[in-house]
Amino acid sequence: MSKTDIVEFVANETGLTKADSTRAVDAVLKAVETGLKKEKKVALVGFGTFTNKKRAAREGINPSTKETIQIPAKNVVTFKAGSKLKDAIN
């Protein structure tokens, strides 16, 4: 499902125009992004939890040259599904 599909779904479910639905979806995505930057965690009860975690620097191997390379530390976003979401898909 793409962002366009989500916008159409929101428009159909709420009766909003596609333009209003696009703004609503964009606002929710921006809120998740801001929450991850500031608080490192966004919890949507029943749906799931997004978490911003720091991945440590590590050594890796370049598959084409077999040389050891240094992979820098970075932040990664993880998602843990909530109970209602798990129940809905099972």
PDB file of N, CA and C in Angstrom:
ATOM      1  N   MET A   1       0.862  -1.176   0.000  1.00  0.00           N
ATOM      2  CA  MET A   1       0.000   0.000   0.000  1.00  0.00           C
ATOM      3  C   MET A   1       0.906   1.237   0.000  1.00  0.00           C
ATOM      4  N   SER A   2       0.681   2.124  -0.929  1.00  0.00           N
ATOM      5  CA  SER A   2       1.493   3.330  -1.043  1.00  0.00           C
ATOM      6  C   SER A   2       0.825   4.490  -0.285  1.00  0.00           C
ATOM      7  N   LYS A   3       1.542   5.591  -0.225  1.00  0.00           N
ATOM      8  CA  LYS A   3       0.999   6.783   0.428  1.00  0.00           C
ATOM      9  C   LYS A   3      -0.262   7.251  -0.286  1.00  0.00           C
ATOM     10  N   THR A   4      -0.278   7.173  -1.612  1.00  0.00           N
ATOM     11  CA  THR A   4      -1.455   7.559  -2.382  1.00  0.00           C
ATOM     12  C   THR A   4      -2.652   6.686  -2.010  1.00  0.00           C
ATOM     13  N   ASP A   5      -2.411   5.388  -1.849  1.00  0.00           N
ATOM     14  CA  ASP A   5      -3.481   4.471  -1.439  1.00  0.00           C
ATOM     15  C   ASP A   5      -4.011   4.831  -0.051  1.00  0.00           C
ATOM     16  N   ILE A   6      -3.105   5.193   0.839  1.00  0.00           N
ATOM     17  CA  ILE A   6      -3.517   5.578   2.201  1.00  0.00           C
ATOM     18  C   ILE A   6      -4.350   6.848   2.159  1.00  0.00           C
ATOM     19  N   VAL A   7      -3.926   7.826   1.354  1.00  0.00           N
ATOM     20  CA  VAL A   7      -4.685   9.078   1.223  1.00  0.00           C
ATOM     21  C   VAL A   7      -6.088   8.784   0.695  1.00  0.00           C
ATOM     22  N   GLU A   8      -6.203   7.942  -0.306  1.00  0.00           N
ATOM     23  CA  GLU A   8      -7.518   7.588  -0.848  1.00  0.00           C
ATOM     24  C   GLU A   8      -8.374   6.868   0.189  1.00  0.00           C
ATOM     25  N   PHE A   9      -7.761   5.982   0.961  1.00  0.00           N
ATOM     26  CA  PHE A   9      -8.474   5.260   2.008  1.00  0.00           C
ATOM     27  C   PHE A   9      -9.010   6.235   3.056  1.00  0.00           C
ATOM     28  N   VAL A  10      -8.160   7.176   3.500  1.00  0.00           N
ATOM     29  CA  VAL A  10      -8.575   8.175   4.496  1.00  0.00           C
ATOM     30  C   VAL A  10      -9.711   9.026   3.938  1.00  0.00           C
ATOM     31  N   ALA A  11      -9.610   9.424   2.686  1.00  0.00           N
ATOM     32  CA  ALA A  11     -10.663  10.238   2.065  1.00  0.00           C
ATOM     33  C   ALA A  11     -11.984   9.476   2.038  1.00  0.00           C
ATOM     34  N   ASN A  12     -11.944   8.197   1.686  1.00  0.00           N
ATOM     35  CA  ASN A  12     -13.164   7.387   1.626  1.00  0.00           C
ATOM     36  C   ASN A  12     -13.755   7.129   3.009  1.00  0.00           C
ATOM     37  N   GLU A  13     -12.913   6.899   3.994  1.00  0.00           N
ATOM     38  CA  GLU A  13     -13.382   6.585   5.350  1.00  0.00           C
ATOM     39  C   GLU A  13     -13.937   7.804   6.077  1.00  0.00           C
ATOM     40  N   THR A  14     -13.358   8.973   5.821  1.00  0.00           N
ATOM     41  CA  THR A  14     -13.723  10.167   6.586  1.00  0.00           C
ATOM     42  C   THR A  14     -14.630  11.133   5.848  1.00  0.00           C
ATOM     43  N   GLY A  15     -14.683  11.010   4.529  1.00  0.00           N
ATOM     44  CA  GLY A  15     -15.466  11.963   3.754  1.00  0.00           C
ATOM     45  C   GLY A  15     -14.707  13.251   3.467  1.00  0.00           C
ATOM     46  N   LEU A  16     -13.428  13.303   3.817  1.00  0.00           N
ATOM     47  CA  LEU A  16     -12.594  14.469   3.517  1.00  0.00           C
ATOM     48  C   LEU A  16     -12.228  14.460   2.042  1.00  0.00           C
ATOM     49  N   THR A  17     -11.833  15.623   1.546  1.00  0.00           N
ATOM     50  CA  THR A  17     -11.337  15.680   0.174  1.00  0.00           C
ATOM     51  C   THR A  17      -9.957  15.033   0.139  1.00  0.00           C
ATOM     52  N   LYS A  18      -9.489  14.712  -1.063  1.00  0.00           N
ATOM     53  CA  LYS A  18      -8.152  14.121  -1.171  1.00  0.00           C
ATOM     54  C   LYS A  18      -7.074  15.104  -0.719  1.00  0.00           C
ATOM     55  N   ALA A  19      -7.291  16.376  -0.974  1.00  0.00           N
ATOM     56  CA  ALA A  19      -6.323  17.391  -0.545  1.00  0.00           C
ATOM     57  C   ALA A  19      -6.251  17.444   0.980  1.00  0.00           C
ATOM     58  N   ASP A  20      -7.414  17.430   1.647  1.00  0.00           N
ATOM     59  CA  ASP A  20      -7.433  17.437   3.109  1.00  0.00           C
ATOM     60  C   ASP A  20      -6.850  16.141   3.669  1.00  0.00           C
ATOM     61  N   SER A  21      -7.145  15.032   3.017  1.00  0.00           N
ATOM     62  CA  SER A  21      -6.607  13.748   3.455  1.00  0.00           C
ATOM     63  C   SER A  21      -5.091  13.710   3.312  1.00  0.00           C
ATOM     64  N   THR A  22      -4.583  14.280   2.233  1.00  0.00           N
ATOM     65  CA  THR A  22      -3.131  14.348   2.032  1.00  0.00           C
ATOM     66  C   THR A  22      -2.484  15.153   3.142  1.00  0.00           C
ATOM     67  N   ARG A  23      -3.070  16.300   3.488  1.00  0.00           N
ATOM     68  CA  ARG A  23      -2.529  17.119   4.571  1.00  0.00           C
ATOM     69  C   ARG A  23      -2.581  16.369   5.893  1.00  0.00           C
ATOM     70  N   ALA A  24      -3.646  15.612   6.141  1.00  0.00           N
ATOM     71  CA  ALA A  24      -3.780  14.852   7.391  1.00  0.00           C
ATOM     72  C   ALA A  24      -2.727  13.749   7.467  1.00  0.00           C
ATOM     73  N   VAL A  25      -2.549  13.012   6.388  1.00  0.00           N
ATOM     74  CA  VAL A  25      -1.544  11.942   6.369  1.00  0.00           C
ATOM     75  C   VAL A  25      -0.147  12.529   6.535  1.00  0.00           C
ATOM     76  N   ASP A  26       0.140  13.626   5.828  1.00  0.00           N
ATOM     77  CA  ASP A  26       1.441  14.292   5.964  1.00  0.00           C
ATOM     78  C   ASP A  26       1.683  14.758   7.389  1.00  0.00           C
ATOM     79  N   ALA A  27       0.642  15.278   8.047  1.00  0.00           N
ATOM     80  CA  ALA A  27       0.779  15.752   9.423  1.00  0.00           C
ATOM     81  C   ALA A  27       1.087  14.593  10.376  1.00  0.00           C
ATOM     82  N   VAL A  28       0.448  13.457  10.176  1.00  0.00           N
ATOM     83  CA  VAL A  28       0.708  12.294  11.027  1.00  0.00           C
ATOM     84  C   VAL A  28       2.140  11.800  10.822  1.00  0.00           C
ATOM     85  N   LEU A  29       2.577  11.723   9.574  1.00  0.00           N
ATOM     86  CA  LEU A  29       3.946  11.282   9.302  1.00  0.00           C
ATOM     87  C   LEU A  29       4.976  12.253   9.883  1.00  0.00           C
ATOM     88  N   LYS A  30       4.697  13.538   9.789  1.00  0.00           N
ATOM     89  CA  LYS A  30       5.592  14.548  10.367  1.00  0.00           C
ATOM     90  C   LYS A  30       5.629  14.430  11.884  1.00  0.00           C
ATOM     91  N   ALA A  31       4.484  14.127  12.509  1.00  0.00           N
ATOM     92  CA  ALA A  31       4.430  13.955  13.952  1.00  0.00           C
ATOM     93  C   ALA A  31       5.268  12.749  14.386  1.00  0.00           C
ATOM     94  N   VAL A  32       5.201  11.662  13.634  1.00  0.00           N
ATOM     95  CA  VAL A  32       6.012  10.476  13.956  1.00  0.00           C
ATOM     96  C   VAL A  32       7.498  10.809  13.817  1.00  0.00           C
ATOM     97  N   GLU A  33       7.853  11.487  12.742  1.00  0.00           N
ATOM     98  CA  GLU A  33       9.243  11.884  12.519  1.00  0.00           C
ATOM     99  C   GLU A  33       9.755  12.782  13.652  1.00  0.00           C
ATOM    100  N   THR A  34       8.961  13.772  14.027  1.00  0.00           N
ATOM    101  CA  THR A  34       9.345  14.696  15.094  1.00  0.00           C
ATOM    102  C   THR A  34       9.467  13.958  16.427  1.00  0.00           C
ATOM    103  N   GLY A  35       8.525  13.066  16.715  1.00  0.00           N
ATOM    104  CA  GLY A  35       8.579  12.292  17.949  1.00  0.00           C
ATOM    105  C   GLY A  35       9.820  11.425  18.031  1.00  0.00           C
ATOM    106  N   LEU A  36      10.210  10.827  16.922  1.00  0.00           N
ATOM    107  CA  LEU A  36      11.414   9.994  16.911  1.00  0.00           C
ATOM    108  C   LEU A  36      12.671  10.828  17.102  1.00  0.00           C
ATOM    109  N   LYS A  37      12.687  12.026  16.536  1.00  0.00           N
ATOM    110  CA  LYS A  37      13.851  12.897  16.700  1.00  0.00           C
ATOM    111  C   LYS A  37      13.977  13.405  18.130  1.00  0.00           C
ATOM    112  N   LYS A  38      12.857  13.861  18.718  1.00  0.00           N
ATOM    113  CA  LYS A  38      12.893  14.488  20.037  1.00  0.00           C
ATOM    114  C   LYS A  38      12.870  13.484  21.185  1.00  0.00           C
ATOM    115  N   GLU A  39      11.952  12.528  21.119  1.00  0.00           N
ATOM    116  CA  GLU A  39      11.732  11.644  22.259  1.00  0.00           C
ATOM    117  C   GLU A  39      12.230  10.226  22.041  1.00  0.00           C
ATOM    118  N   LYS A  40      12.710   9.925  20.843  1.00  0.00           N
ATOM    119  CA  LYS A  40      13.244   8.614  20.481  1.00  0.00           C
ATOM    120  C   LYS A  40      12.214   7.493  20.472  1.00  0.00           C
ATOM    121  N   LYS A  41      10.924   7.826  20.665  1.00  0.00           N
ATOM    122  CA  LYS A  41       9.903   6.786  20.717  1.00  0.00           C
ATOM    123  C   LYS A  41       8.539   7.373  20.394  1.00  0.00           C
ATOM    124  N   VAL A  42       7.740   6.641  19.593  1.00  0.00           N
ATOM    125  CA  VAL A  42       6.370   7.028  19.295  1.00  0.00           C
ATOM    126  C   VAL A  42       5.513   5.778  19.495  1.00  0.00           C
ATOM    127  N   ALA A  43       4.590   5.839  20.451  1.00  0.00           N
ATOM    128  CA  ALA A  43       3.741   4.695  20.765  1.00  0.00           C
ATOM    129  C   ALA A  43       2.308   4.987  20.337  1.00  0.00           C
ATOM    130  N   LEU A  44       1.761   4.127  19.499  1.00  0.00           N
ATOM    131  CA  LEU A  44       0.370   4.203  19.077  1.00  0.00           C
ATOM    132  C   LEU A  44      -0.305   2.977  19.678  1.00  0.00           C
ATOM    133  N   VAL A  45      -0.992   3.168  20.779  1.00  0.00           N
ATOM    134  CA  VAL A  45      -1.545   2.070  21.564  1.00  0.00           C
ATOM    135  C   VAL A  45      -2.392   1.147  20.682  1.00  0.00           C
ATOM    136  N   GLY A  46      -2.101  -0.123  20.746  1.00  0.00           N
ATOM    137  CA  GLY A  46      -2.807  -1.117  19.958  1.00  0.00           C
ATOM    138  C   GLY A  46      -2.210  -1.326  18.579  1.00  0.00           C
ATOM    139  N   PHE A  47      -1.609  -0.287  18.006  1.00  0.00           N
ATOM    140  CA  PHE A  47      -1.017  -0.403  16.667  1.00  0.00           C
ATOM    141  C   PHE A  47       0.437  -0.840  16.748  1.00  0.00           C
ATOM    142  N   GLY A  48       1.242  -0.101  17.514  1.00  0.00           N
ATOM    143  CA  GLY A  48       2.644  -0.461  17.654  1.00  0.00           C
ATOM    144  C   GLY A  48       3.490   0.700  18.133  1.00  0.00           C
ATOM    145  N   THR A  49       4.787   0.434  18.251  1.00  0.00           N
ATOM    146  CA  THR A  49       5.723   1.424  18.760  1.00  0.00           C
ATOM    147  C   THR A  49       6.908   1.564  17.812  1.00  0.00           C
ATOM    148  N   PHE A  50       7.175   2.800  17.406  1.00  0.00           N
ATOM    149  CA  PHE A  50       8.365   3.130  16.628  1.00  0.00           C
ATOM    150  C   PHE A  50       9.430   3.587  17.614  1.00  0.00           C
ATOM    151  N   THR A  51      10.664   3.103  17.451  1.00  0.00           N
ATOM    152  CA  THR A  51      11.745   3.480  18.349  1.00  0.00           C
ATOM    153  C   THR A  51      12.963   3.874  17.525  1.00  0.00           C
ATOM    154  N   ASN A  52      13.643   4.938  17.949  1.00  0.00           N
ATOM    155  CA  ASN A  52      14.864   5.402  17.323  1.00  0.00           C
ATOM    156  C   ASN A  52      16.021   4.847  18.151  1.00  0.00           C
ATOM    157  N   LYS A  53      16.792   3.908  17.569  1.00  0.00           N
ATOM    158  CA  LYS A  53      17.904   3.276  18.292  1.00  0.00           C
ATOM    159  C   LYS A  53      19.219   3.600  17.612  1.00  0.00           C
ATOM    160  N   LYS A  54      20.273   3.656  18.419  1.00  0.00           N
ATOM    161  CA  LYS A  54      21.608   3.910  17.889  1.00  0.00           C
ATOM    162  C   LYS A  54      22.280   2.565  17.613  1.00  0.00           C
ATOM    163  N   ARG A  55      22.752   2.399  16.386  1.00  0.00           N
ATOM    164  CA  ARG A  55      23.494   1.195  16.010  1.00  0.00           C
ATOM    165  C   ARG A  55      24.979   1.540  16.084  1.00  0.00           C
ATOM    166  N   ALA A  56      25.744   0.737  16.805  1.00  0.00           N
ATOM    167  CA  ALA A  56      27.168   0.998  17.008  1.00  0.00           C
ATOM    168  C   ALA A  56      27.956   0.780  15.719  1.00  0.00           C
ATOM    169  N   ALA A  57      29.125   1.427  15.673  1.00  0.00           N
ATOM    170  CA  ALA A  57      30.034   1.215  14.543  1.00  0.00           C
ATOM    171  C   ALA A  57      30.532  -0.231  14.600  1.00  0.00           C
ATOM    172  N   ARG A  58      30.809  -0.788  13.416  1.00  0.00           N
ATOM    173  CA  ARG A  58      31.266  -2.174  13.385  1.00  0.00           C
ATOM    174  C   ARG A  58      32.081  -2.419  12.124  1.00  0.00           C
ATOM    175  N   GLU A  59      32.745  -3.573  12.117  1.00  0.00           N
ATOM    176  CA  GLU A  59      33.497  -3.958  10.930  1.00  0.00           C
ATOM    177  C   GLU A  59      32.620  -4.820  10.042  1.00  0.00           C
ATOM    178  N   GLY A  60      32.795  -4.666   8.760  1.00  0.00           N
ATOM    179  CA  GLY A  60      32.073  -5.478   7.797  1.00  0.00           C
ATOM    180  C   GLY A  60      33.025  -5.926   6.709  1.00  0.00           C
ATOM    181  N   ILE A  61      32.510  -6.700   5.767  1.00  0.00           N
ATOM    182  CA  ILE A  61      33.337  -7.195   4.668  1.00  0.00           C
ATOM    183  C   ILE A  61      32.692  -6.777   3.355  1.00  0.00           C
ATOM    184  N   ASN A  62      33.486  -6.153   2.491  1.00  0.00           N
ATOM    185  CA  ASN A  62      33.029  -5.797   1.151  1.00  0.00           C
ATOM    186  C   ASN A  62      32.894  -7.102   0.366  1.00  0.00           C
ATOM    187  N   PRO A  63      31.670  -7.465  -0.057  1.00  0.00           N
ATOM    188  CA  PRO A  63      31.487  -8.764  -0.705  1.00  0.00           C
ATOM    189  C   PRO A  63      32.220  -8.925  -2.039  1.00  0.00           C
ATOM    190  N   SER A  64      32.483  -7.842  -2.733  1.00  0.00           N
ATOM    191  CA  SER A  64      33.140  -7.970  -4.036  1.00  0.00           C
ATOM    192  C   SER A  64      34.664  -8.065  -3.918  1.00  0.00           C
ATOM    193  N   THR A  65      35.250  -7.383  -2.919  1.00  0.00           N
ATOM    194  CA  THR A  65      36.712  -7.398  -2.782  1.00  0.00           C
ATOM    195  C   THR A  65      37.182  -8.211  -1.588  1.00  0.00           C
ATOM    196  N   LYS A  66      36.279  -8.617  -0.730  1.00  0.00           N
ATOM    197  CA  LYS A  66      36.579  -9.372   0.500  1.00  0.00           C
ATOM    198  C   LYS A  66      37.446  -8.579   1.482  1.00  0.00           C
ATOM    199  N   GLU A  67      37.536  -7.267   1.292  1.00  0.00           N
ATOM    200  CA  GLU A  67      38.287  -6.411   2.206  1.00  0.00           C
ATOM    201  C   GLU A  67      37.444  -6.065   3.415  1.00  0.00           C
ATOM    202  N   THR A  68      38.098  -5.889   4.553  1.00  0.00           N
ATOM    203  CA  THR A  68      37.411  -5.451   5.763  1.00  0.00           C
ATOM    204  C   THR A  68      37.174  -3.953   5.652  1.00  0.00           C
ATOM    205  N   ILE A  69      35.944  -3.531   5.955  1.00  0.00           N
ATOM    206  CA  ILE A  69      35.609  -2.106   5.919  1.00  0.00           C
ATOM    207  C   ILE A  69      35.016  -1.701   7.258  1.00  0.00           C
ATOM    208  N   GLN A  70      35.084  -0.436   7.552  1.00  0.00           N
ATOM    209  CA  GLN A  70      34.526   0.110   8.783  1.00  0.00           C
ATOM    210  C   GLN A  70      33.146   0.674   8.467  1.00  0.00           C
ATOM    211  N   ILE A  71      32.116   0.170   9.157  1.00  0.00           N
ATOM    212  CA  ILE A  71      30.751   0.664   8.985  1.00  0.00           C
ATOM    213  C   ILE A  71      30.486   1.648  10.116  1.00  0.00           C
ATOM    214  N   PRO A  72      30.163   2.901   9.805  1.00  0.00           N
ATOM    215  CA  PRO A  72      29.995   3.912  10.857  1.00  0.00           C
ATOM    216  C   PRO A  72      28.726   3.699  11.687  1.00  0.00           C
ATOM    217  N   ALA A  73      28.718   4.278  12.876  1.00  0.00           N
ATOM    218  CA  ALA A  73      27.536   4.242  13.740  1.00  0.00           C
ATOM    219  C   ALA A  73      26.429   5.056  13.086  1.00  0.00           C
ATOM    220  N   LYS A  74      25.176   4.644  13.335  1.00  0.00           N
ATOM    221  CA  LYS A  74      24.050   5.394  12.795  1.00  0.00           C
ATOM    222  C   LYS A  74      22.803   5.099  13.605  1.00  0.00           C
ATOM    223  N   ASN A  75      21.792   5.944  13.418  1.00  0.00           N
ATOM    224  CA  ASN A  75      20.506   5.730  14.060  1.00  0.00           C
ATOM    225  C   ASN A  75      19.612   4.941  13.111  1.00  0.00           C
ATOM    226  N   VAL A  76      18.845   3.996  13.681  1.00  0.00           N
ATOM    227  CA  VAL A  76      17.907   3.203  12.890  1.00  0.00           C
ATOM    228  C   VAL A  76      16.548   3.234  13.571  1.00  0.00           C
ATOM    229  N   VAL A  77      15.497   3.129  12.782  1.00  0.00           N
ATOM    230  CA  VAL A  77      14.139   3.113  13.309  1.00  0.00           C
ATOM    231  C   VAL A  77      13.667   1.668  13.343  1.00  0.00           C
ATOM    232  N   THR A  78      13.139   1.255  14.495  1.00  0.00           N
ATOM    233  CA  THR A  78      12.574  -0.079  14.623  1.00  0.00           C
ATOM    234  C   THR A  78      11.081   0.054  14.902  1.00  0.00           C
ATOM    235  N   PHE A  79      10.345  -1.014  14.609  1.00  0.00           N
ATOM    236  CA  PHE A  79       8.906  -1.025  14.844  1.00  0.00           C
ATOM    237  C   PHE A  79       8.530  -2.332  15.496  1.00  0.00           C
ATOM    238  N   LYS A  80       7.754  -2.241  16.572  1.00  0.00           N
ATOM    239  CA  LYS A  80       7.231  -3.426  17.243  1.00  0.00           C
ATOM    240  C   LYS A  80       5.711  -3.335  17.175  1.00  0.00           C
ATOM    241  N   ALA A  81       5.097  -4.318  16.536  1.00  0.00           N
ATOM    242  CA  ALA A  81       3.644  -4.320  16.357  1.00  0.00           C
ATOM    243  C   ALA A  81       2.926  -4.476  17.697  1.00  0.00           C
ATOM    244  N   GLY A  82       1.806  -3.769  17.832  1.00  0.00           N
ATOM    245  CA  GLY A  82       0.971  -3.861  19.029  1.00  0.00           C
ATOM    246  C   GLY A  82       0.011  -5.042  18.943  1.00  0.00           C
ATOM    247  N   SER A  83      -0.647  -5.324  20.051  1.00  0.00           N
ATOM    248  CA  SER A  83      -1.519  -6.506  20.138  1.00  0.00           C
ATOM    249  C   SER A  83      -2.698  -6.446  19.166  1.00  0.00           C
ATOM    250  N   LYS A  84      -3.336  -5.288  19.013  1.00  0.00           N
ATOM    251  CA  LYS A  84      -4.474  -5.191  18.103  1.00  0.00           C
ATOM    252  C   LYS A  84      -4.056  -5.403  16.653  1.00  0.00           C
ATOM    253  N   LEU A  85      -2.902  -4.894  16.280  1.00  0.00           N
ATOM    254  CA  LEU A  85      -2.397  -5.094  14.912  1.00  0.00           C
ATOM    255  C   LEU A  85      -2.063  -6.564  14.684  1.00  0.00           C
ATOM    256  N   LYS A  86      -1.411  -7.186  15.656  1.00  0.00           N
ATOM    257  CA  LYS A  86      -1.090  -8.614  15.540  1.00  0.00           C
ATOM    258  C   LYS A  86      -2.349  -9.447  15.389  1.00  0.00           C
ATOM    259  N   ASP A  87      -3.363  -9.144  16.202  1.00  0.00           N
ATOM    260  CA  ASP A  87      -4.627  -9.879  16.140  1.00  0.00           C
ATOM    261  C   ASP A  87      -5.327  -9.681  14.791  1.00  0.00           C
ATOM    262  N   ALA A  88      -5.244  -8.457  14.257  1.00  0.00           N
ATOM    263  CA  ALA A  88      -5.924  -8.136  13.003  1.00  0.00           C
ATOM    264  C   ALA A  88      -5.339  -8.894  11.813  1.00  0.00           C
ATOM    265  N   ILE A  89      -4.043  -9.136  11.823  1.00  0.00           N
ATOM    266  CA  ILE A  89      -3.425  -9.804  10.679  1.00  0.00           C
ATOM    267  C   ILE A  89      -3.346 -11.318  10.830  1.00  0.00           C
ATOM    268  N   ASN A  90      -3.653 -11.813  12.006  1.00  0.00           N
ATOM    269  CA  ASN A  90      -3.616 -13.276  12.201  1.00  0.00           C
ATOM    270  C   ASN A  90      -4.962 -13.890  12.096  1.00  0.00           C
TER     271      ASN A  90
END
